[in-house]
Amino acid sequence: LGLLHRSEQTLAASFRQVAEGHGAEPDVYHLCRSL
């Protein structure tokens, strides 16, 4: 449960990082933020 909790946090932060870093790709930006 701890692994899952930390992994979901890490994945959320990483999706946000990719959204911001690849904002020129509208689908990547919006879908990564939603994910």
PDB file of all heavy atoms in Angstrom:
ATOM      1  N   LEU A   1       0.844  -1.200   0.000  1.00  0.00           N
ATOM      2  CA  LEU A   1       0.000   0.000   0.000  1.00  0.00           C
ATOM      3  C   LEU A   1       0.879   1.249   0.000  1.00  0.00           C
ATOM      4  O   LEU A   1       0.570   2.229  -0.689  1.00  0.00           O
ATOM      5  CB  LEU A   1      -0.950  -0.007   1.200  1.00  0.00           C
ATOM      6  CG  LEU A   1      -2.045  -1.067   1.171  1.00  0.00           C
ATOM      7  CD1 LEU A   1      -2.834  -1.043   2.475  1.00  0.00           C
ATOM      8  CD2 LEU A   1      -2.961  -0.897  -0.033  1.00  0.00           C
ATOM      9  N   GLY A   2       1.974   1.210   0.749  1.00  0.00           N
ATOM     10  CA  GLY A   2       2.911   2.333   0.736  1.00  0.00           C
ATOM     11  C   GLY A   2       3.563   2.500  -0.627  1.00  0.00           C
ATOM     12  O   GLY A   2       3.692   3.621  -1.137  1.00  0.00           O
ATOM     13  N   LEU A   3       3.965   1.383  -1.240  1.00  0.00           N
ATOM     14  CA  LEU A   3       4.549   1.427  -2.579  1.00  0.00           C
ATOM     15  C   LEU A   3       3.553   2.001  -3.576  1.00  0.00           C
ATOM     16  O   LEU A   3       3.893   2.859  -4.394  1.00  0.00           O
ATOM     17  CB  LEU A   3       4.981   0.025  -3.012  1.00  0.00           C
ATOM     18  CG  LEU A   3       5.457  -0.116  -4.462  1.00  0.00           C
ATOM     19  CD1 LEU A   3       6.678   0.737  -4.729  1.00  0.00           C
ATOM     20  CD2 LEU A   3       5.740  -1.583  -4.758  1.00  0.00           C
ATOM     21  N   LEU A   4       2.312   1.556  -3.484  1.00  0.00           N
ATOM     22  CA  LEU A   4       1.282   2.032  -4.404  1.00  0.00           C
ATOM     23  C   LEU A   4       1.017   3.514  -4.214  1.00  0.00           C
ATOM     24  O   LEU A   4       0.942   4.275  -5.186  1.00  0.00           O
ATOM     25  CB  LEU A   4       0.006   1.219  -4.186  1.00  0.00           C
ATOM     26  CG  LEU A   4      -1.107   1.355  -5.194  1.00  0.00           C
ATOM     27  CD1 LEU A   4      -0.609   1.113  -6.611  1.00  0.00           C
ATOM     28  CD2 LEU A   4      -2.223   0.387  -4.851  1.00  0.00           C
ATOM     29  N   HIS A   5       0.932   3.943  -2.987  1.00  0.00           N
ATOM     30  CA  HIS A   5       0.690   5.356  -2.676  1.00  0.00           C
ATOM     31  C   HIS A   5       1.818   6.225  -3.234  1.00  0.00           C
ATOM     32  O   HIS A   5       1.588   7.207  -3.940  1.00  0.00           O
ATOM     33  CB  HIS A   5       0.550   5.526  -1.162  1.00  0.00           C
ATOM     34  CG  HIS A   5       0.208   6.895  -0.733  1.00  0.00           C
ATOM     35  ND1 HIS A   5       0.900   7.555   0.245  1.00  0.00           N
ATOM     36  CD2 HIS A   5      -0.757   7.754  -1.156  1.00  0.00           C
ATOM     37  CE1 HIS A   5       0.390   8.762   0.402  1.00  0.00           C
ATOM     38  NE2 HIS A   5      -0.617   8.903  -0.431  1.00  0.00           N
ATOM     39  N   ARG A   6       3.064   5.856  -2.947  1.00  0.00           N
ATOM     40  CA  ARG A   6       4.212   6.629  -3.436  1.00  0.00           C
ATOM     41  C   ARG A   6       4.318   6.576  -4.958  1.00  0.00           C
ATOM     42  O   ARG A   6       4.646   7.569  -5.603  1.00  0.00           O
ATOM     43  CB  ARG A   6       5.513   6.130  -2.798  1.00  0.00           C
ATOM     44  CG  ARG A   6       5.658   6.519  -1.333  1.00  0.00           C
ATOM     45  CD  ARG A   6       7.017   6.152  -0.765  1.00  0.00           C
ATOM     46  NE  ARG A   6       7.431   4.776  -1.007  1.00  0.00           N
ATOM     47  CZ  ARG A   6       7.049   3.717  -0.310  1.00  0.00           C
ATOM     48  NH1 ARG A   6       6.197   3.867   0.694  1.00  0.00           N
ATOM     49  NH2 ARG A   6       7.499   2.509  -0.604  1.00  0.00           N
ATOM     50  N   SER A   7       4.029   5.422  -5.536  1.00  0.00           N
ATOM     51  CA  SER A   7       4.117   5.283  -6.989  1.00  0.00           C
ATOM     52  C   SER A   7       3.067   6.129  -7.694  1.00  0.00           C
ATOM     53  O   SER A   7       3.347   6.745  -8.727  1.00  0.00           O
ATOM     54  CB  SER A   7       3.972   3.811  -7.393  1.00  0.00           C
ATOM     55  OG  SER A   7       5.027   3.049  -6.861  1.00  0.00           O
ATOM     56  N   GLU A   8       1.860   6.176  -7.154  1.00  0.00           N
ATOM     57  CA  GLU A   8       0.816   7.032  -7.741  1.00  0.00           C
ATOM     58  C   GLU A   8       1.212   8.504  -7.620  1.00  0.00           C
ATOM     59  O   GLU A   8       1.010   9.279  -8.552  1.00  0.00           O
ATOM     60  CB  GLU A   8      -0.548   6.782  -7.081  1.00  0.00           C
ATOM     61  CG  GLU A   8      -1.211   5.478  -7.484  1.00  0.00           C
ATOM     62  CD  GLU A   8      -1.897   5.492  -8.852  1.00  0.00           C
ATOM     63  OE1 GLU A   8      -1.737   6.457  -9.635  1.00  0.00           O
ATOM     64  OE2 GLU A   8      -2.589   4.508  -9.149  1.00  0.00           O
ATOM     65  N   GLN A   9       1.786   8.888  -6.483  1.00  0.00           N
ATOM     66  CA  GLN A   9       2.260  10.276  -6.318  1.00  0.00           C
ATOM     67  C   GLN A   9       3.345  10.596  -7.345  1.00  0.00           C
ATOM     68  O   GLN A   9       3.328  11.659  -7.971  1.00  0.00           O
ATOM     69  CB  GLN A   9       2.839  10.487  -4.913  1.00  0.00           C
ATOM     70  CG  GLN A   9       1.834  10.600  -3.820  1.00  0.00           C
ATOM     71  CD  GLN A   9       2.512  10.722  -2.453  1.00  0.00           C
ATOM     72  OE1 GLN A   9       3.646  10.273  -2.240  1.00  0.00           O
ATOM     73  NE2 GLN A   9       1.797  11.321  -1.520  1.00  0.00           N
ATOM     74  N   THR A  10       4.291   9.688  -7.498  1.00  0.00           N
ATOM     75  CA  THR A  10       5.387   9.881  -8.438  1.00  0.00           C
ATOM     76  C   THR A  10       4.868   9.974  -9.866  1.00  0.00           C
ATOM     77  O   THR A  10       5.291  10.834 -10.639  1.00  0.00           O
ATOM     78  CB  THR A  10       6.411   8.737  -8.315  1.00  0.00           C
ATOM     79  OG1 THR A  10       6.921   8.711  -6.989  1.00  0.00           O
ATOM     80  CG2 THR A  10       7.552   8.890  -9.303  1.00  0.00           C
ATOM     81  N   LEU A  11       3.929   9.097 -10.217  1.00  0.00           N
ATOM     82  CA  LEU A  11       3.371   9.104 -11.563  1.00  0.00           C
ATOM     83  C   LEU A  11       2.596  10.400 -11.818  1.00  0.00           C
ATOM     84  O   LEU A  11       2.737  11.006 -12.890  1.00  0.00           O
ATOM     85  CB  LEU A  11       2.481   7.882 -11.776  1.00  0.00           C
ATOM     86  CG  LEU A  11       1.901   7.696 -13.177  1.00  0.00           C
ATOM     87  CD1 LEU A  11       2.990   7.658 -14.243  1.00  0.00           C
ATOM     88  CD2 LEU A  11       1.056   6.417 -13.220  1.00  0.00           C
ATOM     89  N   ALA A  12       1.826  10.868 -10.834  1.00  0.00           N
ATOM     90  CA  ALA A  12       1.089  12.132 -10.995  1.00  0.00           C
ATOM     91  C   ALA A  12       2.055  13.286 -11.235  1.00  0.00           C
ATOM     92  O   ALA A  12       1.866  14.084 -12.166  1.00  0.00           O
ATOM     93  CB  ALA A  12       0.223  12.397  -9.763  1.00  0.00           C
ATOM     94  N   ALA A  13       3.084  13.377 -10.422  1.00  0.00           N
ATOM     95  CA  ALA A  13       4.067  14.459 -10.577  1.00  0.00           C
ATOM     96  C   ALA A  13       4.786  14.356 -11.921  1.00  0.00           C
ATOM     97  O   ALA A  13       5.052  15.381 -12.570  1.00  0.00           O
ATOM     98  CB  ALA A  13       5.078  14.422  -9.428  1.00  0.00           C
ATOM     99  N   SER A  14       5.060  13.157 -12.359  1.00  0.00           N
ATOM    100  CA  SER A  14       5.750  12.964 -13.630  1.00  0.00           C
ATOM    101  C   SER A  14       4.851  13.313 -14.812  1.00  0.00           C
ATOM    102  O   SER A  14       5.309  13.910 -15.789  1.00  0.00           O
ATOM    103  CB  SER A  14       6.251  11.525 -13.736  1.00  0.00           C
ATOM    104  OG  SER A  14       7.230  11.281 -12.734  1.00  0.00           O
ATOM    105  N   PHE A  15       3.572  12.959 -14.737  1.00  0.00           N
ATOM    106  CA  PHE A  15       2.630  13.372 -15.783  1.00  0.00           C
ATOM    107  C   PHE A  15       2.587  14.899 -15.868  1.00  0.00           C
ATOM    108  O   PHE A  15       2.594  15.471 -16.959  1.00  0.00           O
ATOM    109  CB  PHE A  15       1.220  12.839 -15.518  1.00  0.00           C
ATOM    110  CG  PHE A  15       0.937  11.480 -16.103  1.00  0.00           C
ATOM    111  CD1 PHE A  15       0.457  10.454 -15.297  1.00  0.00           C
ATOM    112  CD2 PHE A  15       1.105  11.228 -17.452  1.00  0.00           C
ATOM    113  CE1 PHE A  15       0.162   9.205 -15.824  1.00  0.00           C
ATOM    114  CE2 PHE A  15       0.818   9.982 -17.997  1.00  0.00           C
ATOM    115  CZ  PHE A  15       0.342   8.959 -17.180  1.00  0.00           C
ATOM    116  N   ARG A  16       2.561  15.569 -14.723  1.00  0.00           N
ATOM    117  CA  ARG A  16       2.536  17.038 -14.728  1.00  0.00           C
ATOM    118  C   ARG A  16       3.829  17.605 -15.322  1.00  0.00           C
ATOM    119  O   ARG A  16       3.806  18.580 -16.067  1.00  0.00           O
ATOM    120  CB  ARG A  16       2.308  17.579 -13.326  1.00  0.00           C
ATOM    121  CG  ARG A  16       0.914  17.329 -12.824  1.00  0.00           C
ATOM    122  CD  ARG A  16       0.565  18.151 -11.598  1.00  0.00           C
ATOM    123  NE  ARG A  16      -0.631  17.661 -10.963  1.00  0.00           N
ATOM    124  CZ  ARG A  16      -1.859  17.707 -11.474  1.00  0.00           C
ATOM    125  NH1 ARG A  16      -2.057  18.224 -12.650  1.00  0.00           N
ATOM    126  NH2 ARG A  16      -2.892  17.227 -10.805  1.00  0.00           N
ATOM    127  N   GLN A  17       4.960  17.002 -14.989  1.00  0.00           N
ATOM    128  CA  GLN A  17       6.244  17.441 -15.527  1.00  0.00           C
ATOM    129  C   GLN A  17       6.260  17.335 -17.052  1.00  0.00           C
ATOM    130  O   GLN A  17       6.686  18.251 -17.747  1.00  0.00           O
ATOM    131  CB  GLN A  17       7.385  16.607 -14.919  1.00  0.00           C
ATOM    132  CG  GLN A  17       8.756  16.953 -15.431  1.00  0.00           C
ATOM    133  CD  GLN A  17       9.218  18.331 -15.010  1.00  0.00           C
ATOM    134  OE1 GLN A  17       8.951  18.763 -13.890  1.00  0.00           O
ATOM    135  NE2 GLN A  17       9.875  19.039 -15.894  1.00  0.00           N
ATOM    136  N   VAL A  18       5.785  16.223 -17.575  1.00  0.00           N
ATOM    137  CA  VAL A  18       5.754  16.033 -19.031  1.00  0.00           C
ATOM    138  C   VAL A  18       4.764  17.000 -19.671  1.00  0.00           C
ATOM    139  O   VAL A  18       5.041  17.563 -20.736  1.00  0.00           O
ATOM    140  CB  VAL A  18       5.447  14.559 -19.386  1.00  0.00           C
ATOM    141  CG1 VAL A  18       5.178  14.396 -20.876  1.00  0.00           C
ATOM    142  CG2 VAL A  18       6.612  13.663 -18.957  1.00  0.00           C
ATOM    143  N   ALA A  19       3.637  17.239 -19.037  1.00  0.00           N
ATOM    144  CA  ALA A  19       2.661  18.203 -19.570  1.00  0.00           C
ATOM    145  C   ALA A  19       3.299  19.573 -19.720  1.00  0.00           C
ATOM    146  O   ALA A  19       3.176  20.221 -20.767  1.00  0.00           O
ATOM    147  CB  ALA A  19       1.437  18.278 -18.660  1.00  0.00           C
ATOM    148  N   GLU A  20       3.995  20.020 -18.688  1.00  0.00           N
ATOM    149  CA  GLU A  20       4.624  21.341 -18.732  1.00  0.00           C
ATOM    150  C   GLU A  20       5.802  21.366 -19.706  1.00  0.00           C
ATOM    151  O   GLU A  20       5.988  22.338 -20.437  1.00  0.00           O
ATOM    152  CB  GLU A  20       5.083  21.752 -17.330  1.00  0.00           C
ATOM    153  CG  GLU A  20       3.954  21.930 -16.337  1.00  0.00           C
ATOM    154  CD  GLU A  20       2.884  22.914 -16.796  1.00  0.00           C
ATOM    155  OE1 GLU A  20       3.228  23.979 -17.343  1.00  0.00           O
ATOM    156  OE2 GLU A  20       1.691  22.601 -16.622  1.00  0.00           O
ATOM    157  N   GLY A  21       6.584  20.303 -19.729  1.00  0.00           N
ATOM    158  CA  GLY A  21       7.769  20.272 -20.574  1.00  0.00           C
ATOM    159  C   GLY A  21       7.470  20.130 -22.054  1.00  0.00           C
ATOM    160  O   GLY A  21       8.293  20.476 -22.895  1.00  0.00           O
ATOM    161  N   HIS A  22       6.302  19.599 -22.367  1.00  0.00           N
ATOM    162  CA  HIS A  22       5.929  19.396 -23.774  1.00  0.00           C
ATOM    163  C   HIS A  22       4.603  20.096 -24.071  1.00  0.00           C
ATOM    164  O   HIS A  22       3.755  19.569 -24.789  1.00  0.00           O
ATOM    165  CB  HIS A  22       5.859  17.901 -24.096  1.00  0.00           C
ATOM    166  CG  HIS A  22       7.176  17.214 -23.974  1.00  0.00           C
ATOM    167  ND1 HIS A  22       8.182  17.352 -24.910  1.00  0.00           N
ATOM    168  CD2 HIS A  22       7.676  16.410 -22.993  1.00  0.00           C
ATOM    169  CE1 HIS A  22       9.234  16.639 -24.522  1.00  0.00           C
ATOM    170  NE2 HIS A  22       8.954  16.066 -23.359  1.00  0.00           N
ATOM    171  N   GLY A  23       4.471  21.298 -23.536  1.00  0.00           N
ATOM    172  CA  GLY A  23       3.250  22.084 -23.715  1.00  0.00           C
ATOM    173  C   GLY A  23       2.947  22.434 -25.163  1.00  0.00           C
ATOM    174  O   GLY A  23       1.802  22.740 -25.492  1.00  0.00           O
ATOM    175  N   ALA A  24       3.935  22.374 -26.028  1.00  0.00           N
ATOM    176  CA  ALA A  24       3.712  22.661 -27.449  1.00  0.00           C
ATOM    177  C   ALA A  24       2.915  21.546 -28.127  1.00  0.00           C
ATOM    178  O   ALA A  24       2.404  21.740 -29.224  1.00  0.00           O
ATOM    179  CB  ALA A  24       5.045  22.856 -28.165  1.00  0.00           C
ATOM    180  N   GLU A  25       2.839  20.400 -27.487  1.00  0.00           N
ATOM    181  CA  GLU A  25       2.029  19.281 -27.988  1.00  0.00           C
ATOM    182  C   GLU A  25       0.710  19.305 -27.219  1.00  0.00           C
ATOM    183  O   GLU A  25       0.632  18.808 -26.092  1.00  0.00           O
ATOM    184  CB  GLU A  25       2.744  17.944 -27.748  1.00  0.00           C
ATOM    185  CG  GLU A  25       4.088  17.821 -28.417  1.00  0.00           C
ATOM    186  CD  GLU A  25       3.975  17.522 -29.896  1.00  0.00           C
ATOM    187  OE1 GLU A  25       2.927  17.025 -30.346  1.00  0.00           O
ATOM    188  OE2 GLU A  25       4.948  17.804 -30.612  1.00  0.00           O
ATOM    189  N   PRO A  26      -0.352  19.894 -27.800  1.00  0.00           N
ATOM    190  CA  PRO A  26      -1.602  20.079 -27.045  1.00  0.00           C
ATOM    191  C   PRO A  26      -2.187  18.795 -26.466  1.00  0.00           C
ATOM    192  O   PRO A  26      -2.661  18.792 -25.335  1.00  0.00           O
ATOM    193  CB  PRO A  26      -2.563  20.703 -28.062  1.00  0.00           C
ATOM    194  CG  PRO A  26      -1.700  21.281 -29.123  1.00  0.00           C
ATOM    195  CD  PRO A  26      -0.450  20.459 -29.147  1.00  0.00           C
ATOM    196  N   ASP A  27      -2.138  17.698 -27.211  1.00  0.00           N
ATOM    197  CA  ASP A  27      -2.694  16.453 -26.685  1.00  0.00           C
ATOM    198  C   ASP A  27      -1.894  15.966 -25.484  1.00  0.00           C
ATOM    199  O   ASP A  27      -2.470  15.532 -24.483  1.00  0.00           O
ATOM    200  CB  ASP A  27      -2.770  15.372 -27.770  1.00  0.00           C
ATOM    201  CG  ASP A  27      -1.403  14.924 -28.270  1.00  0.00           C
ATOM    202  OD1 ASP A  27      -0.513  15.786 -28.446  1.00  0.00           O
ATOM    203  OD2 ASP A  27      -1.225  13.707 -28.501  1.00  0.00           O
ATOM    204  N   VAL A  28      -0.587  16.080 -25.558  1.00  0.00           N
ATOM    205  CA  VAL A  28       0.270  15.647 -24.447  1.00  0.00           C
ATOM    206  C   VAL A  28       0.005  16.526 -23.229  1.00  0.00           C
ATOM    207  O   VAL A  28      -0.171  16.026 -22.113  1.00  0.00           O
ATOM    208  CB  VAL A  28       1.761  15.689 -24.845  1.00  0.00           C
ATOM    209  CG1 VAL A  28       2.665  15.445 -23.642  1.00  0.00           C
ATOM    210  CG2 VAL A  28       2.040  14.669 -25.945  1.00  0.00           C
ATOM    211  N   TYR A  29      -0.062  17.826 -23.453  1.00  0.00           N
ATOM    212  CA  TYR A  29      -0.291  18.756 -22.346  1.00  0.00           C
ATOM    213  C   TYR A  29      -1.601  18.432 -21.619  1.00  0.00           C
ATOM    214  O   TYR A  29      -1.619  18.225 -20.404  1.00  0.00           O
ATOM    215  CB  TYR A  29      -0.296  20.196 -22.857  1.00  0.00           C
ATOM    216  CG  TYR A  29      -0.589  21.202 -21.774  1.00  0.00           C
ATOM    217  CD1 TYR A  29       0.411  21.584 -20.884  1.00  0.00           C
ATOM    218  CD2 TYR A  29      -1.859  21.744 -21.615  1.00  0.00           C
ATOM    219  CE1 TYR A  29       0.147  22.492 -19.873  1.00  0.00           C
ATOM    220  CE2 TYR A  29      -2.126  22.647 -20.602  1.00  0.00           C
ATOM    221  CZ  TYR A  29      -1.122  23.023 -19.732  1.00  0.00           C
ATOM    222  OH  TYR A  29      -1.385  23.910 -18.725  1.00  0.00           O
ATOM    223  N   HIS A  30      -2.687  18.375 -22.360  1.00  0.00           N
ATOM    224  CA  HIS A  30      -4.002  18.210 -21.727  1.00  0.00           C
ATOM    225  C   HIS A  30      -4.211  16.800 -21.167  1.00  0.00           C
ATOM    226  O   HIS A  30      -4.716  16.652 -20.045  1.00  0.00           O
ATOM    227  CB  HIS A  30      -5.118  18.571 -22.710  1.00  0.00           C
ATOM    228  CG  HIS A  30      -5.148  20.028 -23.027  1.00  0.00           C
ATOM    229  ND1 HIS A  30      -5.516  20.996 -22.110  1.00  0.00           N
ATOM    230  CD2 HIS A  30      -4.820  20.708 -24.156  1.00  0.00           C
ATOM    231  CE1 HIS A  30      -5.423  22.190 -22.651  1.00  0.00           C
ATOM    232  NE2 HIS A  30      -4.997  22.050 -23.897  1.00  0.00           N
ATOM    233  N   LEU A  31      -3.808  15.792 -21.911  1.00  0.00           N
ATOM    234  CA  LEU A  31      -4.002  14.428 -21.412  1.00  0.00           C
ATOM    235  C   LEU A  31      -3.108  14.128 -20.218  1.00  0.00           C
ATOM    236  O   LEU A  31      -3.548  13.481 -19.264  1.00  0.00           O
ATOM    237  CB  LEU A  31      -3.786  13.413 -22.522  1.00  0.00           C
ATOM    238  CG  LEU A  31      -5.042  13.167 -23.345  1.00  0.00           C
ATOM    239  CD1 LEU A  31      -4.741  12.409 -24.613  1.00  0.00           C
ATOM    240  CD2 LEU A  31      -6.080  12.431 -22.530  1.00  0.00           C
ATOM    241  N   CYS A  32      -1.875  14.579 -20.241  1.00  0.00           N
ATOM    242  CA  CYS A  32      -0.995  14.336 -19.096  1.00  0.00           C
ATOM    243  C   CYS A  32      -1.523  15.019 -17.835  1.00  0.00           C
ATOM    244  O   CYS A  32      -1.442  14.445 -16.742  1.00  0.00           O
ATOM    245  CB  CYS A  32       0.435  14.771 -19.401  1.00  0.00           C
ATOM    246  SG  CYS A  32       1.332  13.590 -20.439  1.00  0.00           S
ATOM    247  N   ARG A  33      -2.072  16.207 -17.976  1.00  0.00           N
ATOM    248  CA  ARG A  33      -2.663  16.875 -16.812  1.00  0.00           C
ATOM    249  C   ARG A  33      -3.881  16.092 -16.300  1.00  0.00           C
ATOM    250  O   ARG A  33      -4.042  15.910 -15.094  1.00  0.00           O
ATOM    251  CB  ARG A  33      -3.035  18.315 -17.149  1.00  0.00           C
ATOM    252  CG  ARG A  33      -1.789  19.206 -17.313  1.00  0.00           C
ATOM    253  CD  ARG A  33      -2.134  20.631 -17.709  1.00  0.00           C
ATOM    254  NE  ARG A  33      -3.034  21.286 -16.779  1.00  0.00           N
ATOM    255  CZ  ARG A  33      -2.670  21.913 -15.663  1.00  0.00           C
ATOM    256  NH1 ARG A  33      -1.397  21.956 -15.333  1.00  0.00           N
ATOM    257  NH2 ARG A  33      -3.564  22.488 -14.887  1.00  0.00           N
ATOM    258  N   SER A  34      -4.712  15.609 -17.209  1.00  0.00           N
ATOM    259  CA  SER A  34      -5.879  14.811 -16.808  1.00  0.00           C
ATOM    260  C   SER A  34      -5.450  13.502 -16.145  1.00  0.00           C
ATOM    261  O   SER A  34      -6.046  13.086 -15.141  1.00  0.00           O
ATOM    262  CB  SER A  34      -6.759  14.501 -18.020  1.00  0.00           C
ATOM    263  OG  SER A  34      -7.343  15.666 -18.514  1.00  0.00           O
ATOM    264  N   LEU A  35      -4.424  12.872 -16.685  1.00  0.00           N
ATOM    265  CA  LEU A  35      -3.954  11.614 -16.107  1.00  0.00           C
ATOM    266  C   LEU A  35      -3.300  11.839 -14.747  1.00  0.00           C
ATOM    267  O   LEU A  35      -3.403  10.988 -13.852  1.00  0.00           O
ATOM    268  CB  LEU A  35      -3.019  10.904 -17.076  1.00  0.00           C
ATOM    269  CG  LEU A  35      -3.680  10.472 -18.398  1.00  0.00           C
ATOM    270  CD1 LEU A  35      -2.647   9.853 -19.335  1.00  0.00           C
ATOM    271  CD2 LEU A  35      -4.848   9.557 -18.167  1.00  0.00           C
TER     272      LEU A  35
END
